[in-house]
Amino acid sequence: MTLIRSLAAAATLTVACGAAFADDYTLVLAPATPSASTSSFAAAVNGIFIDNYSFTPAAFDGHVAVSFAALTPSVAFFVAELNGQQFSFFPGPMPMNFDIEADVSAGMPLLLTIFGAALDDTGAFADGRYSVDVVASVPEPSTTALLLAGLGVAAWAARRRPVRVEG
């Protein structure tokens, strides 16, 4: 039944691609710990959807983990994009849950796009809901300091090594 439902979703997606709608949202990443900010939200969808999320603060530098969860069995995810890095999902047993991770460089806004569909067993558009949890972590200054100290020790050890001249 899952295969039939997945094929019906693909067929509906192909035929009704023009019927997809896009919604844009701006969400706040709230500090959860000194080194991590989080945001959780749920979205109501019907049929094919493309949802675009931007987050404030606008510029972020660090590691981002995103978890998608279908709250209703009608929701299927096809593609998600996090700051230009694309993740494709092969339709599987419902409900679908996915985790993606990406590194985001400084000065770039954090952007998330989700493409999917909410369909019933016959492939017709249906109401659905999904949730997304975002955790954005920034390395603590002590981690960066330890990394730099280690590189300094390695450079010092390489410089102290005697140079052998053969001849």
Protein backbone atom coordinates (compact mmCIF):
# COMPACT_ATOMS: atom_id res chain seq x y z
CA MET A 1 0.00 0.00 0.00
CA THR A 2 2.92 2.35 0.72
CA LEU A 3 4.32 1.81 -2.78
CA ILE A 4 0.94 2.56 -4.37
CA ARG A 5 0.62 5.68 -2.24
CA SER A 6 4.13 6.80 -3.17
CA LEU A 7 3.46 6.25 -6.88
CA ALA A 8 0.17 8.12 -6.60
CA ALA A 9 2.01 10.99 -4.90
CA ALA A 10 4.61 11.09 -7.68
CA ALA A 11 1.92 11.02 -10.38
CA THR A 12 -0.06 13.76 -8.69
CA LEU A 13 3.11 15.79 -8.27
CA THR A 14 3.92 15.46 -11.96
CA VAL A 15 0.43 16.40 -13.15
CA ALA A 16 -0.29 19.16 -10.63
CA CYS A 17 3.11 20.78 -10.33
CA GLY A 18 1.57 24.11 -11.26
CA ALA A 19 -0.85 23.79 -8.33
CA ALA A 20 1.92 23.92 -5.74
CA PHE A 21 1.90 26.92 -3.47
CA ALA A 22 4.70 28.50 -1.54
CA ASP A 23 4.48 30.09 1.88
CA ASP A 24 7.19 32.25 3.41
CA TYR A 25 7.79 32.38 7.16
CA THR A 26 10.28 34.20 9.39
CA LEU A 27 11.13 32.47 12.66
CA VAL A 28 13.22 33.49 15.66
CA LEU A 29 16.07 31.28 16.86
CA ALA A 30 15.82 31.63 20.64
CA PRO A 31 18.91 30.97 22.80
CA ALA A 32 18.52 27.65 24.62
CA THR A 33 22.07 27.46 26.00
CA PRO A 34 25.07 29.79 25.64
CA SER A 35 26.18 27.87 22.55
CA ALA A 36 22.87 26.81 20.94
CA SER A 37 19.69 28.42 19.68
CA THR A 38 16.50 26.55 18.86
CA SER A 39 13.22 26.98 17.05
CA SER A 40 10.27 24.57 16.83
CA PHE A 41 7.16 24.99 14.76
CA ALA A 42 4.31 23.13 13.09
CA ALA A 43 2.75 23.85 9.70
CA ALA A 44 -0.66 22.98 8.26
CA VAL A 45 -0.59 21.98 4.58
CA ASN A 46 -2.97 20.79 1.88
CA GLY A 47 -1.80 19.13 -1.33
CA ILE A 48 1.59 19.98 -2.75
CA PHE A 49 3.55 22.52 -0.72
CA ILE A 50 6.77 24.49 -0.84
CA ASP A 51 7.42 26.25 2.45
CA ASN A 52 10.29 28.73 2.83
CA TYR A 53 11.62 29.60 6.27
CA SER A 54 14.11 32.31 7.16
CA PHE A 55 15.43 32.74 10.66
CA THR A 56 16.51 35.66 12.81
CA PRO A 57 19.15 36.58 13.77
CA ALA A 58 19.77 36.98 10.04
CA ALA A 59 23.46 35.99 10.02
CA PHE A 60 24.60 32.76 11.60
CA ASP A 61 27.88 30.84 11.70
CA GLY A 62 27.95 27.26 12.94
CA HIS A 63 26.29 23.85 12.73
CA VAL A 64 22.56 23.45 12.10
CA ALA A 65 20.52 20.29 12.74
CA VAL A 66 16.94 20.07 11.45
CA SER A 67 14.38 17.36 12.27
CA PHE A 68 11.21 16.94 10.20
CA ALA A 69 8.26 14.91 11.48
CA ALA A 70 4.94 14.24 9.78
CA LEU A 71 2.20 14.82 12.35
CA THR A 72 -0.42 13.28 10.09
CA PRO A 73 0.02 10.18 7.90
CA SER A 74 -0.89 12.12 4.75
CA VAL A 75 2.33 14.21 4.68
CA ALA A 76 5.29 13.11 2.54
CA PHE A 77 8.53 15.07 2.15
CA PHE A 78 10.39 15.10 -1.18
CA VAL A 79 13.18 17.67 -0.92
CA ALA A 80 14.55 20.00 1.73
CA GLU A 81 17.17 22.66 1.18
CA LEU A 82 19.23 24.27 3.93
CA ASN A 83 21.32 27.23 2.74
CA GLY A 84 21.71 25.76 -0.73
CA GLN A 85 22.51 22.22 0.41
CA GLN A 86 19.81 19.97 -1.00
CA PHE A 87 18.54 16.81 0.70
CA SER A 88 16.22 14.41 -1.19
CA PHE A 89 13.93 11.91 0.50
CA PHE A 90 12.75 8.61 -0.94
CA PRO A 91 9.12 8.10 0.02
CA GLY A 92 8.83 5.39 2.64
CA PRO A 93 6.44 4.17 5.28
CA MET A 94 4.18 6.82 6.71
CA PRO A 95 4.56 8.90 8.80
CA MET A 96 7.90 10.15 7.47
CA ASN A 97 10.57 11.54 9.79
CA PHE A 98 13.96 12.89 8.71
CA ASP A 99 17.02 14.52 10.23
CA ILE A 100 19.43 16.69 8.23
CA GLU A 101 22.55 18.60 9.24
CA ALA A 102 24.63 21.29 7.58
CA ASP A 103 27.36 23.78 8.38
CA VAL A 104 26.50 27.41 7.74
CA SER A 105 29.15 30.05 7.13
CA ALA A 106 29.22 33.51 8.64
CA GLY A 107 27.33 36.31 7.04
CA MET A 108 24.80 34.07 5.32
CA PRO A 109 21.15 34.10 6.33
CA LEU A 110 19.79 30.79 7.53
CA LEU A 111 17.23 29.63 4.94
CA LEU A 112 15.20 26.40 4.94
CA THR A 113 12.91 25.26 2.11
CA ILE A 114 10.66 22.20 2.43
CA PHE A 115 8.94 20.61 -0.58
CA GLY A 116 6.37 17.86 -0.11
CA ALA A 117 2.75 16.84 -0.42
CA ALA A 118 -0.22 15.95 1.74
CA LEU A 119 -2.22 13.28 -0.08
CA ASP A 120 -4.83 10.70 0.85
CA ASP A 121 -4.73 6.99 -0.12
CA THR A 122 -6.10 7.74 -3.60
CA GLY A 123 -3.54 10.48 -4.32
CA ALA A 124 -6.01 13.34 -3.89
CA PHE A 125 -5.02 16.45 -1.98
CA ALA A 126 -5.58 16.11 1.76
CA ASP A 127 -5.08 18.18 4.89
CA GLY A 128 -1.89 17.47 6.81
CA ARG A 129 0.48 18.82 9.43
CA TYR A 130 4.20 18.54 9.98
CA SER A 131 6.64 19.82 12.57
CA VAL A 132 10.21 21.02 12.31
CA ASP A 133 12.79 21.38 15.08
CA VAL A 134 15.89 23.47 14.37
CA VAL A 135 18.99 23.52 16.58
CA ALA A 136 21.74 25.96 15.59
CA SER A 137 24.93 25.50 17.58
CA VAL A 138 27.91 27.82 17.66
CA PRO A 139 31.29 26.50 18.81
CA GLU A 140 32.22 27.83 22.23
CA PRO A 141 35.28 30.11 22.40
CA SER A 142 37.14 27.52 24.52
CA THR A 143 36.77 24.97 21.67
CA THR A 144 38.30 27.40 19.18
CA ALA A 145 41.08 28.30 21.65
CA LEU A 146 41.92 24.61 22.18
CA LEU A 147 42.05 24.03 18.42
CA LEU A 148 44.41 26.97 17.93
CA ALA A 149 46.61 25.85 20.84
CA GLY A 150 46.87 22.36 19.32
CA LEU A 151 47.86 23.77 15.94
CA GLY A 152 50.46 25.97 17.64
CA VAL A 153 52.01 22.98 19.45
CA ALA A 154 52.09 20.97 16.21
CA ALA A 155 53.81 23.87 14.39
CA TRP A 156 56.32 24.29 17.25
CA ALA A 157 57.12 20.55 17.22
CA ALA A 158 57.60 20.55 13.44
CA ARG A 159 59.91 23.57 13.63
CA ARG A 160 62.08 21.99 16.39
CA ARG A 161 62.64 18.81 14.40
CA PRO A 162 66.29 18.72 13.25
CA VAL A 163 66.83 18.90 9.51
CA ARG A 164 69.01 16.05 8.21
CA VAL A 165 71.32 16.85 5.38
CA GLU A 166 72.54 13.88 3.39
CA GLY A 167 75.62 14.10 1.38
